[in-house]
């Protein structure tokens, strides 16, 4: 059996720091009301960006959607993903319908989620119309409904 008592006596500050971090995380999750899976995906984001995305995604979840973050920070990218200012996600409604990249704009709009994004002064990729050159050298369509960013 693991003996923690000697460690606890030798490293009280470490134990206290871990305990405080656990309490802070629990309070943060309670305040944001965001699922643990979403919070884990956003954990590495700087506080401001994490807060903005967490509040928005908590609203999605409060409306009965499950959020699946597929991409966040991308190291070395010159896009907003490389600046901690963008995420890509899929959502699943209460009936199990997935909203993904191939989902038509009208269906995304019918969920009400794009309106929530715009109301928070964020940019929704479903509004993009200009094709862009991907890092792999291939042209991408402008429409990118799985993308949400904080702008420049």
Protein backbone atom coordinates (compact mmCIF):
# COMPACT_ATOMS: atom_id res chain seq x y z
CA UNK A 1 0.00 0.00 0.00
CA UNK A 2 1.22 3.48 -0.87
CA UNK A 3 2.52 5.46 2.09
CA UNK A 4 1.70 9.13 1.56
CA UNK A 5 2.23 10.32 5.12
CA UNK A 6 6.04 10.76 4.90
CA UNK A 7 5.64 12.66 1.62
CA UNK A 8 2.96 14.89 3.10
CA UNK A 9 5.25 15.77 6.00
CA UNK A 10 8.21 16.49 3.73
CA UNK A 11 6.34 18.51 1.06
CA UNK A 12 3.48 20.40 2.70
CA UNK A 13 3.66 23.31 0.22
CA UNK A 14 3.32 21.01 -2.78
CA UNK A 15 0.38 19.23 -1.22
CA UNK A 16 -1.27 22.57 -0.39
CA UNK A 17 -0.68 23.87 -3.93
CA UNK A 18 -2.26 20.77 -5.47
CA UNK A 19 -5.24 21.06 -3.14
CA UNK A 20 -5.73 24.74 -3.96
CA UNK A 21 -5.44 24.02 -7.71
CA UNK A 22 -8.13 21.36 -7.39
CA UNK A 23 -10.47 23.73 -5.57
CA UNK A 24 -9.86 26.51 -8.11
CA UNK A 25 -10.58 24.13 -11.00
CA UNK A 26 -13.77 22.91 -9.35
CA UNK A 27 -14.97 26.49 -8.75
CA UNK A 28 -14.08 27.45 -12.31
CA UNK A 29 -16.05 24.53 -13.76
CA UNK A 30 -19.01 25.32 -11.53
CA UNK A 31 -18.99 29.00 -12.49
CA UNK A 32 -18.65 28.32 -16.20
CA UNK A 33 -21.01 25.36 -16.14
CA UNK A 34 -19.02 23.81 -18.97
CA UNK A 35 -18.50 20.06 -19.22
CA UNK A 36 -15.25 18.56 -17.99
CA UNK A 37 -14.40 17.37 -21.53
CA UNK A 38 -14.65 20.90 -22.93
CA UNK A 39 -12.77 22.39 -19.97
CA UNK A 40 -9.95 19.89 -20.51
CA UNK A 41 -9.63 20.86 -24.19
CA UNK A 42 -9.46 24.55 -23.27
CA UNK A 43 -7.24 24.16 -20.20
CA UNK A 44 -4.03 25.19 -21.98
CA UNK A 45 -5.54 28.38 -23.43
CA UNK A 46 -4.57 31.70 -21.82
CA UNK A 47 -7.15 32.87 -19.25
CA UNK A 48 -8.86 35.53 -21.39
CA UNK A 49 -9.36 33.27 -24.41
CA UNK A 50 -10.30 30.28 -22.26
CA UNK A 51 -12.92 32.38 -20.48
CA UNK A 52 -14.47 33.71 -23.68
CA UNK A 53 -14.71 30.27 -25.28
CA UNK A 54 -15.86 28.59 -22.05
CA UNK A 55 -18.73 31.02 -21.57
CA UNK A 56 -19.91 30.52 -25.15
CA UNK A 57 -19.64 26.74 -25.06
CA UNK A 58 -21.37 26.61 -21.67
CA UNK A 59 -24.28 28.36 -23.37
CA UNK A 60 -24.27 25.72 -26.12
CA UNK A 61 -24.36 22.97 -23.51
CA UNK A 62 -27.11 24.73 -21.53
CA UNK A 63 -29.23 24.57 -24.70
CA UNK A 64 -28.79 20.79 -24.83
CA UNK A 65 -25.91 20.48 -27.27
CA UNK A 66 -22.85 18.32 -26.70
CA UNK A 67 -19.67 20.11 -27.77
CA UNK A 68 -16.78 18.18 -29.30
CA UNK A 69 -13.72 20.37 -29.76
CA UNK A 70 -11.74 18.97 -32.69
CA UNK A 71 -8.96 21.56 -32.80
CA UNK A 72 -7.69 24.44 -30.73
CA UNK A 73 -4.16 25.76 -30.49
CA UNK A 74 -1.92 24.67 -33.37
CA UNK A 75 1.75 25.23 -32.63
CA UNK A 76 3.68 27.03 -35.33
CA UNK A 77 0.63 28.11 -37.34
CA UNK A 78 0.26 31.70 -38.43
CA UNK A 79 -3.53 31.47 -38.28
CA UNK A 80 -5.64 32.48 -35.29
CA UNK A 81 -5.30 28.87 -34.10
CA UNK A 82 -1.58 29.53 -33.68
CA UNK A 83 -2.40 32.58 -31.55
CA UNK A 84 -4.79 30.81 -29.13
CA UNK A 85 -7.71 32.75 -30.66
CA UNK A 86 -9.63 30.02 -32.54
CA UNK A 87 -11.21 26.62 -32.06
CA UNK A 88 -12.88 24.10 -34.34
CA UNK A 89 -15.73 22.00 -33.05
CA UNK A 90 -18.64 19.76 -33.87
CA UNK A 91 -21.87 19.81 -31.91
CA UNK A 92 -24.47 17.13 -31.30
CA UNK A 93 -28.08 18.00 -30.54
CA UNK A 94 -30.33 16.19 -28.04
CA UNK A 95 -31.60 13.88 -30.82
CA UNK A 96 -28.08 12.75 -31.71
CA UNK A 97 -27.77 14.82 -34.91
CA UNK A 98 -24.18 15.92 -35.56
CA UNK A 99 -23.39 19.36 -36.96
CA UNK A 100 -20.07 19.18 -38.80
CA UNK A 101 -18.15 20.76 -41.65
CA UNK A 102 -20.46 19.27 -44.31
CA UNK A 103 -23.66 20.41 -42.58
CA UNK A 104 -25.42 23.10 -44.66
CA UNK A 105 -25.45 26.64 -43.33
CA UNK A 106 -29.24 26.71 -43.00
CA UNK A 107 -29.12 23.73 -40.62
CA UNK A 108 -26.42 25.37 -38.50
CA UNK A 109 -28.44 28.61 -38.40
CA UNK A 110 -31.57 26.70 -37.33
CA UNK A 111 -29.76 25.57 -34.16
CA UNK A 112 -29.42 29.17 -33.01
CA UNK A 113 -25.74 28.64 -32.21
CA UNK A 114 -24.36 31.03 -34.86
CA UNK A 115 -26.52 33.79 -33.37
CA UNK A 116 -24.98 33.13 -29.94
CA UNK A 117 -21.50 33.36 -31.46
CA UNK A 118 -22.27 36.66 -33.18
CA UNK A 119 -23.93 38.06 -30.04
CA UNK A 120 -20.60 37.62 -28.23
CA UNK A 121 -18.75 39.53 -30.98
CA UNK A 122 -16.99 36.39 -32.11
CA UNK A 123 -16.59 35.25 -35.70
CA UNK A 124 -18.34 32.14 -36.99
CA UNK A 125 -16.68 30.37 -39.92
CA UNK A 126 -20.07 29.69 -41.46
CA UNK A 127 -20.12 33.37 -42.41
CA UNK A 128 -16.79 33.13 -44.26
CA UNK A 129 -17.07 33.33 -48.04
CA UNK A 130 -13.51 33.94 -49.27
CA UNK A 131 -11.54 30.82 -50.25
CA UNK A 132 -8.14 30.56 -48.57
CA UNK A 133 -4.88 28.71 -49.08
CA UNK A 134 -4.26 26.02 -46.49
CA UNK A 135 -0.85 25.28 -45.02
CA UNK A 136 -0.72 22.19 -47.22
CA UNK A 137 -0.91 24.42 -50.34
CA UNK A 138 -4.49 23.40 -51.20
CA UNK A 139 -7.29 25.92 -51.66
CA UNK A 140 -10.07 25.68 -49.07
CA UNK A 141 -13.63 26.94 -49.44
CA UNK A 142 -14.53 30.00 -47.40
CA UNK A 143 -17.39 28.25 -45.61
CA UNK A 144 -16.00 26.78 -42.35
CA UNK A 145 -18.92 26.28 -39.93
CA UNK A 146 -16.85 24.34 -37.39
CA UNK A 147 -14.60 27.37 -36.81
CA UNK A 148 -15.09 30.00 -34.08
CA UNK A 149 -12.58 32.73 -33.39
CA UNK A 150 -12.10 35.89 -31.36
CA UNK A 151 -11.04 37.92 -34.38
CA UNK A 152 -7.78 39.66 -34.93
